[in-house]
Amino acid sequence: MNSNKPSKKDISLFLALVLFMFFHVSNSLCLATPPPLPPSYVGSQACKPCHETEFEIFVTHAKKSRSYQSIERLEKGLTENDLKKCYACHTTGYGKPGGFTSLEETPHLKDAGCEVCHGPGSTHILDKSLDSIIQEPTLQLCNTCHTSERIKAFRFKPLIHGGGH
């Protein structure tokens, strides 16, 4: 008699094949290298171990290393929208993924730190590659905050070409 009903041997082979494929695919997924994470902001303190001299010069001489103090002095007279405009230049990474959000959530990004000019540092800290950081910021990058309008309004002379360190 020839029946269309699968034999126990056929069922066993089919189940073995399904199990093999399931474990093979699940193991492949577990062992696969996850995609690289986008660089994130780590704060200037994270730069200090490898760039101690530059860090000390920056925190000693660069006003932007204390830029949040300007916000604190003026915040009583500012609206929430005005404060947000200040955050763009006086904090690190505001409005960008992983950047400053508030003193409570991201206190390490409250000033305009190293990453404002050199970009998010998480990848550079891991790989130590010069390709994962902005080595020499351009004037165009500086001009995002150092506009002629702001220079006149706040009466300061930025040392754009003097460097922060």
Protein backbone atom coordinates (compact mmCIF):
# COMPACT_ATOMS: atom_id res chain seq x y z
CA MET A 1 0.00 0.00 0.00
CA ASN A 2 1.26 3.42 -0.95
CA SER A 3 -0.07 6.10 1.38
CA ASN A 4 0.58 9.85 1.33
CA LYS A 5 1.02 9.81 5.06
CA PRO A 6 4.64 10.62 6.11
CA SER A 7 6.50 7.92 7.92
CA LYS A 8 8.01 8.31 11.37
CA LYS A 9 11.43 8.43 9.71
CA ASP A 10 10.31 11.33 7.45
CA ILE A 11 8.90 13.23 10.43
CA SER A 12 12.09 12.65 12.44
CA LEU A 13 14.27 13.90 9.56
CA PHE A 14 12.04 16.95 9.10
CA LEU A 15 12.15 17.81 12.82
CA ALA A 16 15.91 17.32 12.92
CA LEU A 17 16.28 19.67 9.95
CA VAL A 18 14.02 22.31 11.56
CA LEU A 19 15.90 22.10 14.86
CA PHE A 20 19.27 22.28 13.11
CA MET A 21 18.18 25.37 11.16
CA PHE A 22 16.69 27.01 14.27
CA PHE A 23 19.86 26.56 16.33
CA HIS A 24 22.12 27.48 13.43
CA VAL A 25 20.23 30.73 12.72
CA SER A 26 19.84 31.67 16.39
CA ASN A 27 23.54 31.03 17.06
CA SER A 28 24.49 33.06 14.00
CA LEU A 29 22.39 35.93 15.24
CA CYS A 30 23.92 35.76 18.71
CA LEU A 31 27.46 35.61 17.40
CA ALA A 32 27.01 38.31 14.78
CA THR A 33 28.90 41.52 15.41
CA PRO A 34 26.44 44.24 16.33
CA PRO A 35 26.52 47.35 14.18
CA PRO A 36 28.78 50.07 15.54
CA LEU A 37 27.07 52.60 17.77
CA PRO A 38 27.12 56.20 16.63
CA PRO A 39 29.66 58.31 18.52
CA SER A 40 28.26 59.83 21.69
CA TYR A 41 29.27 62.67 23.97
CA VAL A 42 31.38 61.69 26.98
CA GLY A 43 32.35 65.05 28.51
CA SER A 44 35.72 66.77 28.79
CA GLN A 45 36.79 64.81 31.89
CA ALA A 46 36.94 61.70 29.69
CA CYS A 47 39.62 63.41 27.54
CA LYS A 48 41.88 64.23 30.47
CA PRO A 49 43.67 60.87 30.94
CA CYS A 50 45.24 60.98 27.47
CA HIS A 51 45.34 64.74 26.91
CA GLU A 52 46.23 66.01 30.39
CA THR A 53 48.25 69.06 29.31
CA GLU A 54 45.64 70.20 26.79
CA PHE A 55 42.88 69.60 29.32
CA GLU A 56 44.61 71.68 32.02
CA ILE A 57 45.24 74.56 29.62
CA PHE A 58 41.63 74.38 28.42
CA VAL A 59 40.03 74.45 31.88
CA THR A 60 42.45 77.13 33.10
CA HIS A 61 42.30 79.56 30.17
CA ALA A 62 39.30 78.87 27.92
CA LYS A 63 36.19 80.74 29.01
CA LYS A 64 34.03 78.18 27.27
CA SER A 65 35.17 75.57 29.80
CA ARG A 66 33.01 77.54 32.27
CA SER A 67 30.37 78.71 29.79
CA TYR A 68 27.38 77.45 31.78
CA GLN A 69 28.12 80.13 34.41
CA SER A 70 26.88 82.71 31.90
CA ILE A 71 23.53 80.93 31.72
CA GLU A 72 23.31 80.72 35.51
CA ARG A 73 23.93 84.46 35.84
CA LEU A 74 21.21 85.36 33.35
CA GLU A 75 18.64 82.58 33.62
CA LYS A 76 16.29 84.39 36.04
CA GLY A 77 15.38 86.88 33.34
CA LEU A 78 15.12 84.37 30.50
CA THR A 79 12.20 82.39 29.14
CA GLU A 80 12.50 78.64 28.51
CA ASN A 81 12.93 79.33 24.77
CA ASP A 82 15.67 81.87 25.47
CA LEU A 83 17.46 79.33 27.67
CA LYS A 84 17.34 76.73 24.92
CA LYS A 85 19.00 79.21 22.56
CA CYS A 86 21.77 79.67 25.14
CA TYR A 87 22.24 75.91 25.53
CA ALA A 88 23.17 75.58 21.86
CA CYS A 89 26.49 77.41 22.38
CA HIS A 90 27.08 77.20 26.14
CA THR A 91 26.77 73.41 26.56
CA THR A 92 28.11 70.35 24.76
CA GLY A 93 25.95 68.65 22.15
CA TYR A 94 22.64 70.33 22.99
CA GLY A 95 19.96 69.29 20.50
CA LYS A 96 22.06 66.39 19.22
CA PRO A 97 21.69 62.71 20.12
CA GLY A 98 23.45 62.07 23.43
CA GLY A 99 24.18 65.75 24.04
CA PHE A 100 23.28 68.03 26.94
CA THR A 101 19.65 67.82 28.02
CA SER A 102 19.62 69.18 31.58
CA LEU A 103 21.80 69.65 34.64
CA GLU A 104 20.06 66.68 36.27
CA GLU A 105 20.47 64.24 33.36
CA THR A 106 23.77 65.34 31.76
CA PRO A 107 25.79 67.45 34.21
CA HIS A 108 29.07 66.36 32.56
CA LEU A 109 28.02 68.21 29.40
CA LYS A 110 26.94 71.49 31.02
CA ASP A 111 29.83 73.58 29.65
CA ALA A 112 31.10 73.99 26.09
CA GLY A 113 33.78 71.31 26.34
CA CYS A 114 36.30 69.56 24.12
CA GLU A 115 33.63 67.84 22.06
CA VAL A 116 32.09 71.13 20.90
CA CYS A 117 35.14 71.57 18.67
CA HIS A 118 36.36 67.99 18.28
CA GLY A 119 33.05 66.11 17.99
CA PRO A 120 31.60 63.32 20.15
CA GLY A 121 34.46 61.41 21.75
CA SER A 122 33.16 57.94 22.63
CA THR A 123 34.61 56.22 19.55
CA HIS A 124 37.95 58.03 19.86
CA ILE A 125 38.26 56.92 23.49
CA LEU A 126 37.77 53.29 22.46
CA ASP A 127 39.88 53.15 19.30
CA LYS A 128 42.41 55.95 19.96
CA SER A 129 42.25 56.70 16.24
CA LEU A 130 42.71 60.25 14.99
CA ASP A 131 40.17 59.44 12.28
CA SER A 132 37.38 59.13 14.86
CA ILE A 133 37.69 62.73 16.08
CA ILE A 134 37.91 66.17 14.48
CA GLN A 135 41.61 66.92 14.72
CA GLU A 136 41.56 70.51 13.51
CA PRO A 137 38.23 72.30 13.76
CA THR A 138 37.39 74.57 10.87
CA LEU A 139 36.35 78.20 10.97
CA GLN A 140 32.95 77.06 9.70
CA LEU A 141 32.50 74.98 12.86
CA CYS A 142 33.50 77.93 15.06
CA ASN A 143 31.05 80.18 13.22
CA THR A 144 28.08 78.16 14.45
CA CYS A 145 28.45 80.00 17.77
CA HIS A 146 30.93 82.78 17.06
CA THR A 147 28.70 84.80 14.72
CA SER A 148 29.24 88.51 14.18
CA GLU A 149 25.81 89.18 15.72
CA ARG A 150 26.72 87.37 18.94
CA ILE A 151 30.14 88.95 19.10
CA LYS A 152 28.55 92.42 19.00
CA ALA A 153 25.72 91.52 21.41
CA PHE A 154 27.95 90.04 24.10
CA ARG A 155 31.03 92.21 23.50
CA PHE A 156 33.59 89.47 23.40
CA LYS A 157 36.45 88.66 21.06
CA PRO A 158 36.67 84.93 20.45
CA LEU A 159 40.12 83.48 20.05
CA ILE A 160 39.03 81.36 17.12
CA HIS A 161 42.49 81.07 15.63
CA GLY A 162 44.26 80.96 19.00
CA GLY A 163 42.89 77.52 19.83
CA GLY A 164 41.55 76.28 23.12
CA HIS A 165 44.77 74.50 24.08
